[in-house]
C-alpha atoms as a PDB file:
ATOM      1  CA  MET A   1     119.461  76.760  72.586  1.00  0.00           C
ATOM      2  CA  ILE A   2     115.977  75.002  72.498  1.00  0.00           C
ATOM      3  CA  GLY A   3     116.540  74.083  68.760  1.00  0.00           C
ATOM      4  CA  ALA A   4     119.768  72.397  69.418  1.00  0.00           C
ATOM      5  CA  ALA A   5     118.345  70.444  72.295  1.00  0.00           C
ATOM      6  CA  LYS A   6     115.590  69.106  70.033  1.00  0.00           C
ATOM      7  CA  GLN A   7     118.380  68.086  67.622  1.00  0.00           C
ATOM      8  CA  VAL A   8     120.101  66.149  70.285  1.00  0.00           C
ATOM      9  CA  MET A   9     116.950  64.401  71.348  1.00  0.00           C
ATOM     10  CA  ALA A  10     116.209  63.372  67.756  1.00  0.00           C
ATOM     11  CA  MET A  11     119.584  61.852  67.351  1.00  0.00           C
ATOM     12  CA  THR A  12     119.521  60.008  70.543  1.00  0.00           C
ATOM     13  CA  GLY A  13     116.034  58.994  70.396  1.00  0.00           C
ATOM     14  CA  GLU A  14     112.944  59.786  72.719  1.00  0.00           C
ATOM     15  CA  ASP A  15     113.735  56.685  75.048  1.00  0.00           C
ATOM     16  CA  SER A  16     117.313  57.856  75.594  1.00  0.00           C
ATOM     17  CA  ARG A  17     118.216  58.772  79.228  1.00  0.00           C
ATOM     18  CA  LEU A  18     120.635  61.322  77.888  1.00  0.00           C
ATOM     19  CA  ASN A  19     119.682  64.818  79.136  1.00  0.00           C
ATOM     20  CA  PRO A  20     120.201  66.972  75.625  1.00  0.00           C
ATOM     21  CA  PHE A  21     121.180  70.034  77.956  1.00  0.00           C
ATOM     22  CA  GLN A  22     123.978  68.047  79.546  1.00  0.00           C
ATOM     23  CA  VAL A  23     125.172  66.733  76.069  1.00  0.00           C
ATOM     24  CA  MET A  24     125.384  70.387  74.835  1.00  0.00           C
ATOM     25  CA  GLN A  25     127.741  71.174  77.610  1.00  0.00           C
ATOM     26  CA  TRP A  26     130.236  68.341  76.571  1.00  0.00           C
ATOM     27  CA  PRO A  27     133.479  69.793  75.006  1.00  0.00           C
ATOM     28  CA  GLY A  28     133.300  70.631  71.483  1.00  0.00           C
ATOM     29  CA  VAL A  29     129.474  70.109  71.173  1.00  0.00           C
ATOM     30  CA  MET A  30     128.741  73.712  71.244  1.00  0.00           C
ATOM     31  CA  GLU A  31     131.080  76.669  70.927  1.00  0.00           C
ATOM     32  CA  THR A  32     130.273  80.148  72.465  1.00  0.00           C
ATOM     33  CA  PRO A  33     131.792  82.856  70.470  1.00  0.00           C
ATOM     34  CA  GLU A  34     134.525  84.640  72.680  1.00  0.00           C
ATOM     35  CA  GLN A  35     133.393  88.069  73.846  1.00  0.00           C
ATOM     36  CA  ASP A  36     135.627  91.070  74.124  1.00  0.00           C
ATOM     37  CA  MET A  37     134.969  92.036  77.732  1.00  0.00           C
ATOM     38  CA  ASP A  38     136.816  95.348  77.326  1.00  0.00           C
ATOM     39  CA  THR A  39     134.635  96.539  74.632  1.00  0.00           C
ATOM     40  CA  ILE A  40     131.567  95.416  76.735  1.00  0.00           C
ATOM     41  CA  ASN A  41     132.962  97.257  79.817  1.00  0.00           C
ATOM     42  CA  LYS A  42     133.634 100.358  77.880  1.00  0.00           C
ATOM     43  CA  ALA A  43     130.030 100.446  76.366  1.00  0.00           C
ATOM     44  CA  LEU A  44     128.610  99.995  79.854  1.00  0.00           C
ATOM     45  CA  LEU A  45     130.610 102.804  81.268  1.00  0.00           C
ATOM     46  CA  GLU A  46     129.742 105.036  78.390  1.00  0.00           C
ATOM     47  CA  GLY A  47     126.003 104.146  79.006  1.00  0.00           C
ATOM     48  CA  PHE A  48     126.412 104.831  82.694  1.00  0.00           C
ATOM     49  CA  ASP A  49     128.185 108.198  82.168  1.00  0.00           C
ATOM     50  CA  GLN A  50     125.435 109.107  79.712  1.00  0.00           C
ATOM     51  CA  GLY A  51     122.628 108.194  82.187  1.00  0.00           C
ATOM     52  CA  LEU A  52     124.309 110.161  84.931  1.00  0.00           C
ATOM     53  CA  SER A  53     124.847 113.132  82.853  1.00  0.00           C
ATOM     54  CA  ASP A  54     121.238 113.028  81.691  1.00  0.00           C
ATOM     55  CA  PHE A  55     120.179 112.726  85.326  1.00  0.00           C
ATOM     56  CA  ILE A  56     122.235 115.751  86.351  1.00  0.00           C
ATOM     57  CA  ASP A  57     120.772 117.809  83.455  1.00  0.00           C
ATOM     58  CA  ALA A  58     117.379 116.836  84.379  1.00  0.00           C
ATOM     59  CA  ARG A  59     117.927 117.808  88.155  1.00  0.00           C
ATOM     60  CA  ALA A  60     119.486 121.131  86.996  1.00  0.00           C
ATOM     61  CA  SER A  61     116.409 121.851  84.710  1.00  0.00           C
ATOM     62  CA  GLU A  62     113.983 120.927  87.517  1.00  0.00           C
ATOM     63  CA  GLY A  63     115.800 123.134  89.976  1.00  0.00           C
ATOM     64  CA  GLU A  64     115.843 126.093  87.606  1.00  0.00           C
ATOM     65  CA  ASN A  65     112.055 125.622  87.130  1.00  0.00           C
ATOM     66  CA  MET A  66     111.636 125.493  90.965  1.00  0.00           C
ATOM     67  CA  LYS A  67     113.644 128.635  91.401  1.00  0.00           C
ATOM     68  CA  ALA A  68     111.493 130.431  88.792  1.00  0.00           C
ATOM     69  CA  LEU A  69     108.330 129.569  90.704  1.00  0.00           C
ATOM     70  CA  ILE A  70     109.659 130.585  93.944  1.00  0.00           C
ATOM     71  CA  VAL A  71     111.061 133.952  92.679  1.00  0.00           C
ATOM     72  CA  GLN A  72     107.617 134.594  90.960  1.00  0.00           C
ATOM     73  CA  ARG A  73     105.953 134.114  94.504  1.00  0.00           C
ATOM     74  CA  LEU A  74     108.655 136.315  96.168  1.00  0.00           C
ATOM     75  CA  GLU A  75     107.628 139.013  93.588  1.00  0.00           C
ATOM     76  CA  ALA A  76     103.939 138.557  94.386  1.00  0.00           C
ATOM     77  CA  ILE A  77     104.631 138.849  98.116  1.00  0.00           C
ATOM     78  CA  THR A  78     106.522 142.205  97.614  1.00  0.00           C
ATOM     79  CA  ALA A  79     103.473 143.358  95.502  1.00  0.00           C
ATOM     80  CA  GLU A  80     101.164 142.571  98.453  1.00  0.00           C
ATOM     81  CA  VAL A  81     103.358 144.481 100.925  1.00  0.00           C
ATOM     82  CA  VAL A  82     103.620 147.519  98.615  1.00  0.00           C
ATOM     83  CA  LYS A  83      99.800 147.450  98.437  1.00  0.00           C
ATOM     84  CA  VAL A  84      99.189 147.133 102.323  1.00  0.00           C
ATOM     85  CA  ARG A  85     101.747 149.726 102.967  1.00  0.00           C
ATOM     86  CA  ALA A  86     100.211 152.291 100.438  1.00  0.00           C
ATOM     87  CA  ARG A  87      96.584 151.486 102.077  1.00  0.00           C
ATOM     88  CA  MET A  88      97.735 151.955 105.828  1.00  0.00           C
ATOM     89  CA  PRO A  89      97.395 155.721 106.019  1.00  0.00           C
ATOM     90  CA  GLU A  90      93.905 155.740 104.515  1.00  0.00           C
ATOM     91  CA  ILE A  91      92.952 152.664 106.897  1.00  0.00           C
ATOM     92  CA  LEU A  92      94.184 154.527 109.905  1.00  0.00           C
ATOM     93  CA  GLU A  93      92.360 157.671 109.067  1.00  0.00           C
ATOM     94  CA  TRP A  94      89.131 155.706 108.530  1.00  0.00           C
ATOM     95  CA  GLN A  95      89.740 153.930 111.906  1.00  0.00           C
ATOM     96  CA  ARG A  96      90.190 157.324 113.603  1.00  0.00           C
ATOM     97  CA  GLU A  97      86.971 158.869 112.007  1.00  0.00           C
ATOM     98  CA  ARG A  98      85.013 155.595 113.025  1.00  0.00           C
ATOM     99  CA  LEU A  99      86.217 155.741 116.584  1.00  0.00           C
ATOM    100  CA  LEU A 100      85.192 159.482 116.891  1.00  0.00           C
ATOM    101  CA  GLY A 101      81.870 158.688 115.256  1.00  0.00           C
ATOM    102  CA  LYS A 102      81.065 156.198 117.893  1.00  0.00           C
ATOM    103  CA  PHE A 103      82.015 158.643 120.647  1.00  0.00           C
ATOM    104  CA  GLU A 104      79.616 161.096 119.241  1.00  0.00           C
ATOM    105  CA  GLU A 105      76.904 158.404 118.783  1.00  0.00           C
ATOM    106  CA  ALA A 106      77.262 157.434 122.361  1.00  0.00           C
ATOM    107  CA  LYS A 107      77.309 161.044 123.367  1.00  0.00           C
ATOM    108  CA  ILE A 108      80.532 160.495 125.225  1.00  0.00           C
ATOM    109  CA  GLU A 109      82.406 163.584 126.119  1.00  0.00           C
ATOM    110  CA  LEU A 110      86.000 163.066 126.249  1.00  0.00           C
ATOM    111  CA  ASP A 111      88.635 165.555 126.485  1.00  0.00           C
ATOM    112  CA  ALA A 112      91.079 165.959 123.364  1.00  0.00           C
ATOM    113  CA  SER A 113      94.041 164.427 125.005  1.00  0.00           C
ATOM    114  CA  ARG A 114      92.118 161.375 126.097  1.00  0.00           C
ATOM    115  CA  VAL A 115      90.840 160.916 122.502  1.00  0.00           C
ATOM    116  CA  GLU A 116      94.283 161.125 121.196  1.00  0.00           C
ATOM    117  CA  GLN A 117      95.799 158.657 123.660  1.00  0.00           C
ATOM    118  CA  GLU A 118      93.023 156.304 122.536  1.00  0.00           C
ATOM    119  CA  LEU A 119      93.710 156.952 118.943  1.00  0.00           C
ATOM    120  CA  ILE A 120      97.368 156.296 119.462  1.00  0.00           C
ATOM    121  CA  LEU A 121      96.747 152.996 121.345  1.00  0.00           C
ATOM    122  CA  LEU A 122      94.391 151.820 118.698  1.00  0.00           C
ATOM    123  CA  ALA A 123      96.804 152.755 115.877  1.00  0.00           C
ATOM    124  CA  GLN A 124      99.707 150.964 117.658  1.00  0.00           C
ATOM    125  CA  LYS A 125      97.657 147.630 117.810  1.00  0.00           C
ATOM    126  CA  SER A 126      96.713 147.863 114.274  1.00  0.00           C
ATOM    127  CA  ASP A 127     100.294 149.101 112.825  1.00  0.00           C
ATOM    128  CA  VAL A 128     101.737 146.500 110.640  1.00  0.00           C
ATOM    129  CA  ALA A 129     104.656 148.506 109.567  1.00  0.00           C
ATOM    130  CA  GLU A 130     107.084 146.172 111.397  1.00  0.00           C
ATOM    131  CA  GLU A 131     105.544 142.961 109.910  1.00  0.00           C
ATOM    132  CA  LEU A 132     105.705 144.642 106.429  1.00  0.00           C
ATOM    133  CA  ASP A 133     109.476 145.490 106.864  1.00  0.00           C
ATOM    134  CA  ARG A 134     110.123 141.910 108.099  1.00  0.00           C
ATOM    135  CA  LEU A 135     108.368 140.594 105.036  1.00  0.00           C
ATOM    136  CA  ASP A 136     110.537 142.797 102.759  1.00  0.00           C
ATOM    137  CA  SER A 137     113.759 141.408 104.697  1.00  0.00           C
ATOM    138  CA  HIS A 138     112.620 137.924 104.289  1.00  0.00           C
ATOM    139  CA  VAL A 139     112.134 138.286 100.481  1.00  0.00           C
ATOM    140  CA  LYS A 140     115.664 139.627 100.257  1.00  0.00           C
ATOM    141  CA  GLU A 141     117.080 136.879 102.211  1.00  0.00           C
ATOM    142  CA  THR A 142     115.210 134.185 100.357  1.00  0.00           C
ATOM    143  CA  THR A 143     116.411 135.664  97.129  1.00  0.00           C
ATOM    144  CA  SER A 144     119.977 135.762  98.440  1.00  0.00           C
ATOM    145  CA  ILE A 145     119.893 132.102  99.405  1.00  0.00           C
ATOM    146  CA  LEU A 146     118.485 131.178  95.923  1.00  0.00           C
ATOM    147  CA  LYS A 147     121.338 132.936  94.315  1.00  0.00           C
ATOM    148  CA  LYS A 148     123.935 131.117  96.452  1.00  0.00           C
ATOM    149  CA  GLY A 149     122.836 127.746  95.331  1.00  0.00           C
ATOM    150  CA  GLY A 150     123.910 124.384  96.775  1.00  0.00           C
ATOM    151  CA  SER A 151     122.020 122.552  99.393  1.00  0.00           C
ATOM    152  CA  VAL A 152     119.420 125.307 100.400  1.00  0.00           C
ATOM    153  CA  GLY A 153     116.373 123.118 101.351  1.00  0.00           C
ATOM    154  CA  ARG A 154     116.733 123.574 105.088  1.00  0.00           C
ATOM    155  CA  ARG A 155     117.469 127.323 104.983  1.00  0.00           C
ATOM    156  CA  LEU A 156     114.477 127.958 102.601  1.00  0.00           C
ATOM    157  CA  ASP A 157     112.184 125.879 104.837  1.00  0.00           C
ATOM    158  CA  PHE A 158     113.288 127.951 107.770  1.00  0.00           C
ATOM    159  CA  MET A 159     112.509 131.173 105.655  1.00  0.00           C
ATOM    160  CA  MET A 160     108.947 129.842 105.052  1.00  0.00           C
ATOM    161  CA  GLN A 161     108.415 129.563 108.756  1.00  0.00           C
ATOM    162  CA  GLU A 162     109.339 133.289 108.979  1.00  0.00           C
ATOM    163  CA  PHE A 163     107.067 134.310 106.348  1.00  0.00           C
ATOM    164  CA  ASN A 164     104.294 132.395 107.853  1.00  0.00           C
ATOM    165  CA  ARG A 165     104.909 134.175 111.339  1.00  0.00           C
ATOM    166  CA  GLU A 166     104.686 137.615 109.803  1.00  0.00           C
ATOM    167  CA  SER A 167     101.527 136.995 107.627  1.00  0.00           C
ATOM    168  CA  ASN A 168      99.843 135.443 110.707  1.00  0.00           C
ATOM    169  CA  THR A 169     100.552 138.523 112.648  1.00  0.00           C
ATOM    170  CA  LEU A 170      99.514 140.785 109.899  1.00  0.00           C
ATOM    171  CA  ALA A 171      96.196 139.013 109.582  1.00  0.00           C
ATOM    172  CA  SER A 172      95.550 138.999 113.315  1.00  0.00           C
ATOM    173  CA  LYS A 173      96.116 142.915 113.165  1.00  0.00           C
ATOM    174  CA  SER A 174      93.814 143.451 110.335  1.00  0.00           C
ATOM    175  CA  ILE A 175      91.287 146.055 110.654  1.00  0.00           C
ATOM    176  CA  SER A 176      89.945 146.237 107.149  1.00  0.00           C
ATOM    177  CA  THR A 177      88.749 143.668 104.437  1.00  0.00           C
ATOM    178  CA  ASP A 178      91.697 144.803 102.154  1.00  0.00           C
ATOM    179  CA  ILE A 179      94.398 143.753 104.891  1.00  0.00           C
ATOM    180  CA  THR A 180      92.516 140.553 105.400  1.00  0.00           C
ATOM    181  CA  ALA A 181      92.477 139.847 101.651  1.00  0.00           C
ATOM    182  CA  SER A 182      96.282 140.493 101.568  1.00  0.00           C
ATOM    183  CA  GLY A 183      96.806 138.289 104.502  1.00  0.00           C
ATOM    184  CA  VAL A 184      95.023 135.483 102.935  1.00  0.00           C
ATOM    185  CA  GLU A 185      96.938 136.081  99.478  1.00  0.00           C
ATOM    186  CA  LEU A 186     100.273 136.128 101.531  1.00  0.00           C
ATOM    187  CA  LYS A 187      99.413 132.652 103.091  1.00  0.00           C
ATOM    188  CA  VAL A 188      98.609 131.104  99.686  1.00  0.00           C
ATOM    189  CA  LEU A 189     101.912 132.351  98.198  1.00  0.00           C
ATOM    190  CA  ILE A 190     103.926 131.218 101.128  1.00  0.00           C
ATOM    191  CA  GLU A 191     102.211 127.755 100.977  1.00  0.00           C
ATOM    192  CA  GLN A 192     102.833 127.453  97.253  1.00  0.00           C
ATOM    193  CA  MET A 193     106.560 128.238  97.796  1.00  0.00           C
ATOM    194  CA  ARG A 194     106.710 125.757 100.771  1.00  0.00           C
ATOM    195  CA  GLU A 195     105.171 122.968  98.595  1.00  0.00           C
ATOM    196  CA  GLN A 196     108.091 123.564  96.108  1.00  0.00           C
ATOM    197  CA  ILE A 197     110.853 123.681  98.768  1.00  0.00           C
ATOM    198  CA  GLN A 198     109.839 120.153 100.007  1.00  0.00           C
ATOM    199  CA  ASN A 199     111.370 118.911  96.900  1.00  0.00           C
ATOM    200  CA  ILE A 200     114.658 120.749  97.379  1.00  0.00           C
ATOM    201  CA  GLU A 201     117.748 119.295  99.199  1.00  0.00           C
END
């Protein structure tokens, strides 16, 4: 286009008032090859379809990766639940012996039934069986939601709130460093899942 304009200027002279671009628009001066719009439209639609297909494939691949990460965290939560459940009898026995030892140190004379009542109350306060059962239930429900597919972001986000509630209660009832460590690990795993779920519709 610029080359053609220079040619027009050379032919009309530098002092000419003619605008070379206007001259080029005169009929017959320049010809634009006719374009096949059907072919162009077809190519554009094919490109759009391919781009859309690539986008859907990328989303599906990203979704599978997120699902794998969440499933991995759910398995780790189950492992922590199993660990805490296995340690509880030992911890409760340790707690019982510790309480009896304190009574002996203080030389407090208590009748057997009173001691037993105190131990039962203490065991109830530190019993985490209900929280462990709920965590198991939440793992199953979350796994079920992931299998169903579709728009699951809100349901998964709700499940993360439920997980957090149980892990907080577990940590608050902790009477040993092992349970505290498991409570912290649960919080880390839940937060890792929550971060992934923020990207799910």
